Protein backbone atom coordinates (compact mmCIF):
# COMPACT_ATOMS: atom_id res chain seq x y z
CA MET A 1 102.07 111.80 125.98
CA GLU A 2 99.44 109.78 127.56
CA LEU A 3 100.50 106.38 128.79
CA SER A 4 97.34 105.35 130.76
CA PHE A 5 96.23 101.30 130.28
CA PHE A 6 92.88 102.99 129.93
CA THR A 7 90.39 103.67 127.04
CA THR A 8 86.96 104.73 127.43
CA PHE A 9 84.21 103.01 124.51
CA GLU A 10 84.22 105.32 121.67
CA ILE A 11 83.22 103.58 118.31
CA GLY A 12 85.08 104.58 115.23
CA TRP A 13 86.57 103.50 112.10
CA LEU A 14 90.07 103.31 113.22
CA ASN A 15 89.79 101.22 116.24
CA GLY A 16 90.69 97.59 117.60
CA TRP A 17 88.06 95.82 115.51
CA ILE A 18 90.38 95.95 112.10
CA PRO A 19 93.16 93.36 113.17
CA SER A 20 91.08 91.57 115.59
CA PHE A 21 88.36 90.74 112.73
CA ALA A 22 91.41 90.06 110.40
CA MET A 23 92.30 87.27 112.51
CA LEU A 24 88.72 86.09 112.27
CA LEU A 25 88.76 86.24 108.50
CA VAL A 26 92.02 84.29 108.53
CA GLN A 27 90.05 81.53 110.21
CA ILE A 28 87.15 81.71 107.66
CA LEU A 29 89.34 81.89 104.67
CA PHE A 30 90.91 79.20 105.68
CA MET A 31 87.88 76.83 106.08
CA LEU A 32 86.65 78.21 102.56
CA LEU A 33 89.79 77.35 100.98
CA PHE A 34 90.72 74.11 102.52
CA PRO A 35 87.65 72.58 103.80
CA GLN A 36 89.35 69.20 104.55
CA GLY A 37 91.33 70.97 107.18
CA GLY A 38 88.61 73.19 108.11
CA LYS A 39 86.10 70.26 108.50
CA ARG A 40 88.88 68.61 110.77
CA ALA A 41 89.30 71.49 112.85
CA VAL A 42 86.22 71.84 113.85
CA ASP A 43 84.96 68.65 114.37
CA THR A 44 83.55 68.66 117.86
CA SER A 45 82.18 64.82 118.00
CA TRP A 46 84.25 63.85 120.80
CA TYR A 47 83.00 66.78 122.91
CA THR A 48 81.82 65.86 126.57
CA PRO A 49 79.63 67.99 128.48
CA GLN A 50 82.34 70.02 129.76
CA ASP A 51 84.04 70.33 126.69
CA ARG A 52 80.66 71.79 125.20
CA ARG A 53 80.31 74.44 127.84
CA TYR A 54 84.02 75.46 127.37
CA ALA A 55 83.27 75.63 123.57
CA LEU A 56 80.04 77.48 124.00
CA LEU A 57 81.70 80.07 126.84
CA SER A 58 84.94 80.61 124.32
CA SER A 59 82.97 81.39 121.63
CA ALA A 60 80.70 83.92 123.92
CA ALA A 61 84.11 85.31 125.53
CA GLN A 62 85.19 85.61 121.69
CA ALA A 63 82.05 87.59 120.46
CA ALA A 64 82.70 89.98 123.52
CA VAL A 65 86.29 90.68 122.72
CA LEU A 66 85.26 91.14 119.03
CA ILE A 67 82.27 93.33 120.11
CA VAL A 68 84.40 95.24 122.91
CA SER A 69 87.38 95.94 119.83
CA VAL A 70 84.72 97.85 117.73
CA PHE A 71 84.87 100.63 120.72
CA ALA A 72 88.68 100.24 121.36
CA PRO A 73 90.46 103.11 119.48
CA PHE A 74 93.85 102.94 118.47
CA LYS A 75 96.70 105.04 120.80
CA PHE A 76 98.50 106.32 117.41
CA GLY A 77 101.90 108.07 118.03
CA THR A 78 102.11 106.21 121.75
CA PRO A 79 104.39 103.69 122.81
CA TRP A 80 101.41 101.56 123.71
CA PHE A 81 100.64 101.80 119.50
CA ALA A 82 104.32 100.93 118.10
CA VAL A 83 104.76 98.21 120.92
CA GLY A 84 101.19 96.58 120.39
CA THR A 85 101.24 96.71 116.62
CA ALA A 86 104.51 94.95 116.43
CA VAL A 87 103.23 92.45 118.87
CA TYR A 88 100.16 92.31 116.52
CA LEU A 89 101.88 91.59 113.49
CA ILE A 90 104.40 88.77 114.52
CA ALA A 91 101.36 87.23 116.41
CA PHE A 92 99.31 87.51 113.25
CA ALA A 93 102.28 86.22 110.76
CA LEU A 94 102.76 83.36 112.78
CA PHE A 95 99.12 82.51 113.43
CA VAL A 96 98.70 82.36 109.46
CA TRP A 97 101.70 79.97 109.24
CA SER A 98 99.98 78.20 112.11
CA PHE A 99 97.22 77.30 109.78
CA PHE A 100 99.32 76.40 106.63
CA SER A 101 101.13 74.16 108.80
CA TYR A 102 98.01 72.44 109.86
CA LYS A 103 96.73 71.73 106.27
CA ALA A 104 99.87 70.42 105.52
CA GLY A 105 99.54 67.74 108.24
CA LYS A 106 98.31 64.31 107.22
CA ALA A 107 94.83 63.49 108.34
CA GLY A 108 94.48 60.79 111.12
CA GLU A 109 98.36 61.93 112.15
CA THR A 110 99.58 64.13 115.05
CA ILE A 111 100.48 67.05 113.50
CA GLN A 112 104.29 67.76 114.07
CA GLY A 113 105.29 70.04 110.99
CA GLY A 114 106.15 73.57 110.89
CA ILE A 115 105.15 75.87 113.60
CA TYR A 116 103.93 72.60 115.31
CA ARG A 117 107.19 71.88 116.49
CA TYR A 118 107.16 74.52 118.46
CA SER A 119 103.95 74.74 119.64
CA ARG A 120 101.14 72.02 120.10
CA ASN A 121 98.54 74.75 119.99
CA PRO A 122 99.78 77.26 117.89
CA MET A 123 96.52 78.71 116.30
CA TYR A 124 95.15 79.29 120.08
CA PHE A 125 98.32 80.60 121.11
CA PHE A 126 98.91 83.22 118.27
CA PHE A 127 95.26 84.65 118.39
CA MET A 128 95.78 85.35 121.98
CA LEU A 129 98.81 87.06 121.49
CA GLY A 130 97.65 88.98 118.71
CA MET A 131 94.54 89.79 120.78
CA LEU A 132 96.80 91.29 123.27
CA GLY A 133 98.64 93.21 120.80
CA VAL A 134 95.48 94.74 120.18
CA CYS A 135 94.78 95.48 123.50
CA ILE A 136 98.47 97.27 124.08
CA ALA A 137 97.98 99.24 120.89
CA THR A 138 94.66 100.23 121.72
CA ALA A 139 95.66 100.49 125.41
CA SER A 140 92.32 98.91 126.59
CA LEU A 141 91.92 97.81 130.00
CA TRP A 142 88.57 96.81 128.98
CA LEU A 143 89.53 95.18 126.03
CA PHE A 144 92.04 93.18 128.50
CA ILE A 145 89.24 92.64 130.57
CA VAL A 146 87.11 90.36 128.55
CA MET A 147 90.27 88.54 127.11
CA VAL A 148 91.19 87.43 130.95
CA PRO A 149 88.06 84.63 130.51
CA PHE A 150 88.42 83.90 126.63
CA ALA A 151 91.69 82.60 127.75
CA VAL A 152 90.72 80.78 130.34
CA PHE A 153 87.67 79.11 128.57
CA THR A 154 89.77 78.50 125.48
CA HIS A 155 92.62 76.67 127.98
CA GLY A 156 89.47 74.66 128.88
CA ILE A 157 89.15 73.73 125.20
CA ILE A 158 92.59 72.91 124.69
CA LEU A 159 92.82 70.25 127.57
CA GLY A 160 89.97 68.72 126.00
CA GLU A 161 91.88 68.41 122.70
CA GLU A 162 94.73 67.49 124.19
CA ARG A 163 92.82 64.56 126.06
CA TYR A 164 91.22 63.78 122.66
CA CYS A 165 94.38 63.53 120.75
CA GLU A 166 96.12 61.56 123.74
CA ALA A 167 93.46 59.14 123.14
CA THR A 168 93.01 59.14 119.53
CA TYR A 169 97.11 59.04 118.59
CA GLY A 170 98.21 57.43 121.35
CA GLU A 171 102.46 56.93 122.06
CA SER A 172 102.36 58.88 119.17
CA TYR A 173 100.81 61.99 120.63
CA ARG A 174 102.43 61.29 124.20
CA LYS A 175 106.08 61.80 122.60
CA TYR A 176 104.98 64.85 121.05
CA LYS A 177 103.15 66.14 123.91
CA ALA A 178 106.48 65.25 126.07
CA ASN A 179 108.99 67.12 123.46
CA THR A 180 106.29 69.92 122.51
CA PRO A 181 105.23 72.87 124.57
CA ARG A 182 101.77 73.31 125.09
CA TYR A 183 101.58 77.20 124.01
CA PHE A 184 105.17 78.09 122.61
CA LEU A 185 108.49 77.74 123.22
CA PHE A 186 109.17 77.19 127.16
CA PHE A 187 105.28 76.79 128.69
């Protein structure tokens, strides 16, 4: 049984694109089913030029991740697949919960309910964790390599969003920020 963390590019029907695009589909469905929440989630009117650069780079990196996932076959029957699938399924469930928690929040207020009690950025965090699960399940070093800049650029977006939330929601957000980790549980 091979346990190396390396995959050659190999297009196939049972590749990492299935769970990768499933996460993208959740985002699209949320926007279609809950247009008010979706509109609020994609509002970029406050972006600075630096925020726009991070958003552009993050989008390009996310596209690269999705493209590479098409060529990353699962390592069925290996510990890589078992661990990666478990990580992905947990992340996917929490990713979906983050959208419902976001929708339940009131417009014009800091969202602090549901999974937002444990993370200020659960959508970003669980998307990244889910994609890490896909990296593990495919044992794809290539997928991991394109995930790194995606995570870095997305972190830049998060810093901008936190700056915006602090300016918009003031003390309410500062208290929330002081008591809730940026990503999850302890970091």
